[in-house]
C-alpha atoms as a PDB file:
ATOM      1  CA  MET A   1       5.065 -98.259  95.096  1.00  0.00           C
ATOM      2  CA  ALA A   2       4.474 -94.750  95.672  1.00  0.00           C
ATOM      3  CA  LYS A   3       3.763 -92.958  99.388  1.00  0.00           C
ATOM      4  CA  LEU A   4       2.060 -90.996 101.291  1.00  0.00           C
ATOM      5  CA  ASN A   5       2.582 -89.142 104.012  1.00  0.00           C
ATOM      6  CA  VAL A   6      -0.287 -88.280 106.397  1.00  0.00           C
ATOM      7  CA  LEU A   7      -0.750 -86.785 109.628  1.00  0.00           C
ATOM      8  CA  GLN A   8       2.871 -88.961 110.507  1.00  0.00           C
ATOM      9  CA  ASN A   9       1.372 -91.756 109.222  1.00  0.00           C
ATOM     10  CA  GLU A  10       2.726 -93.619 105.620  1.00  0.00           C
ATOM     11  CA  ILE A  11      -0.039 -94.779 103.140  1.00  0.00           C
ATOM     12  CA  SER A  12       1.086 -96.619 100.263  1.00  0.00           C
ATOM     13  CA  ILE A  13      -0.584 -95.752  96.460  1.00  0.00           C
ATOM     14  CA  ILE A  14      -0.349 -98.294  93.282  1.00  0.00           C
ATOM     15  CA  SER A  15      -0.743 -97.202  89.933  1.00  0.00           C
ATOM     16  CA  VAL A  16      -3.423-100.060  88.195  1.00  0.00           C
ATOM     17  CA  ALA A  17      -3.590 -98.902  84.255  1.00  0.00           C
ATOM     18  CA  GLY A  18      -2.727 -95.407  84.861  1.00  0.00           C
ATOM     19  CA  GLN A  19      -5.121 -95.154  87.788  1.00  0.00           C
ATOM     20  CA  ASP A  20      -3.763 -94.527  91.524  1.00  0.00           C
ATOM     21  CA  TYR A  21      -5.098 -96.118  94.732  1.00  0.00           C
ATOM     22  CA  ILE A  22      -4.398 -95.903  97.709  1.00  0.00           C
ATOM     23  CA  SER A  23      -3.866 -98.728 101.305  1.00  0.00           C
ATOM     24  CA  LEU A  24      -7.067 -99.316 102.633  1.00  0.00           C
ATOM     25  CA  THR A  25      -5.178-100.977 105.320  1.00  0.00           C
ATOM     26  CA  ASP A  26      -2.793 -98.597 105.264  1.00  0.00           C
ATOM     27  CA  MET A  27      -5.149 -96.214 106.633  1.00  0.00           C
ATOM     28  CA  ALA A  28      -6.966 -98.736 109.962  1.00  0.00           C
ATOM     29  CA  ASN A  29      -3.696 -99.366 110.501  1.00  0.00           C
ATOM     30  CA  ALA A  30      -3.118 -95.552 111.058  1.00  0.00           C
ATOM     31  CA  ARG A  31      -5.515 -95.518 113.596  1.00  0.00           C
ATOM     32  CA  THR A  32      -5.742 -98.158 114.974  1.00  0.00           C
ATOM     33  CA  ASP A  33      -3.157-100.594 116.100  1.00  0.00           C
ATOM     34  CA  ASP A  34      -2.244-103.356 113.247  1.00  0.00           C
ATOM     35  CA  ALA A  35      -4.846-106.449 115.743  1.00  0.00           C
ATOM     36  CA  ARG A  36      -7.933-103.624 115.037  1.00  0.00           C
ATOM     37  CA  ALA A  37      -7.227-102.724 111.050  1.00  0.00           C
ATOM     38  CA  ALA A  38      -9.125-105.551 109.708  1.00  0.00           C
ATOM     39  CA  ASP A  39     -11.841-104.570 112.596  1.00  0.00           C
ATOM     40  CA  VAL A  40     -12.014-101.297 110.898  1.00  0.00           C
ATOM     41  CA  ILE A  41     -12.188-102.101 107.941  1.00  0.00           C
ATOM     42  CA  LYS A  42     -14.407-104.725 108.126  1.00  0.00           C
ATOM     43  CA  ASN A  43     -17.113-102.410 110.011  1.00  0.00           C
ATOM     44  CA  TRP A  44     -16.408 -99.935 107.379  1.00  0.00           C
ATOM     45  CA  ILE A  45     -17.256-102.583 104.415  1.00  0.00           C
ATOM     46  CA  ARG A  46     -20.318-103.475 105.583  1.00  0.00           C
ATOM     47  CA  ASN A  47     -21.702 -99.884 106.611  1.00  0.00           C
ATOM     48  CA  ARG A  48     -24.617 -98.608 104.259  1.00  0.00           C
ATOM     49  CA  TYR A  49     -23.264 -95.906 103.216  1.00  0.00           C
ATOM     50  CA  THR A  50     -20.057 -97.422 101.963  1.00  0.00           C
ATOM     51  CA  ILE A  51     -22.312-100.114 100.383  1.00  0.00           C
ATOM     52  CA  GLU A  52     -24.772 -96.946  98.505  1.00  0.00           C
ATOM     53  CA  LEU A  53     -21.163 -96.276  97.654  1.00  0.00           C
ATOM     54  CA  LEU A  54     -19.537 -98.920  96.301  1.00  0.00           C
ATOM     55  CA  GLY A  55     -23.303 -99.770  94.406  1.00  0.00           C
ATOM     56  CA  THR A  56     -23.425 -96.161  92.648  1.00  0.00           C
ATOM     57  CA  TRP A  57     -19.497 -97.015  91.716  1.00  0.00           C
ATOM     58  CA  GLU A  58     -20.735 -99.983  90.096  1.00  0.00           C
ATOM     59  CA  ILE A  59     -23.605 -98.384  88.435  1.00  0.00           C
ATOM     60  CA  ILE A  60     -21.326 -95.789  86.994  1.00  0.00           C
ATOM     61  CA  HIS A  61     -19.035 -97.987  85.119  1.00  0.00           C
ATOM     62  CA  ASN A  62     -20.426-101.598  85.183  1.00  0.00           C
ATOM     63  CA  PRO A  63     -22.954-101.683  82.437  1.00  0.00           C
ATOM     64  CA  ASP A  64     -23.591-105.226  83.472  1.00  0.00           C
ATOM     65  CA  PHE A  65     -24.385-104.141  87.365  1.00  0.00           C
ATOM     66  CA  LYS A  66     -27.287-106.013  88.386  1.00  0.00           C
ATOM     67  CA  VAL A  67     -29.093-103.630  90.342  1.00  0.00           C
ATOM     68  CA  VAL A  68     -32.500-105.878  91.697  1.00  0.00           C
ATOM     69  CA  GLU A  69     -28.784-108.524  93.019  1.00  0.00           C
ATOM     70  CA  PHE A  70     -27.680-105.241  94.589  1.00  0.00           C
ATOM     71  CA  ASP A  71     -30.694-103.543  96.245  1.00  0.00           C
ATOM     72  CA  HIS A  72     -30.567-107.292  97.995  1.00  0.00           C
ATOM     73  CA  PHE A  73     -27.228-106.655  99.525  1.00  0.00           C
ATOM     74  CA  LYS A  74     -27.808-103.236 100.370  1.00  0.00           C
ATOM     75  CA  SER A  75     -31.105-103.654 102.180  1.00  0.00           C
ATOM     76  CA  GLN A  76     -29.189-105.889 104.944  1.00  0.00           C
ATOM     77  CA  ALA A  77     -26.380-103.295 105.544  1.00  0.00           C
ATOM     78  CA  VAL A  78     -26.519-101.188 109.099  1.00  0.00           C
END
């Protein structure tokens, strides 16, 4: 597993099938203490802009994505 140093914080990078993924947990830990990292991620995941980003990604990459069902989740986002 590779590591990236960002503003003196170590962020893990993992490669899966030729694609690189960065650790959201490491990024959240860099911003706050360990106890708050989960809260940072929970708040990010339920953010309307994040939900819209995930929906757009699914529309582009998932031919079986159910847009109508997704609209229900998106309408409930904060």
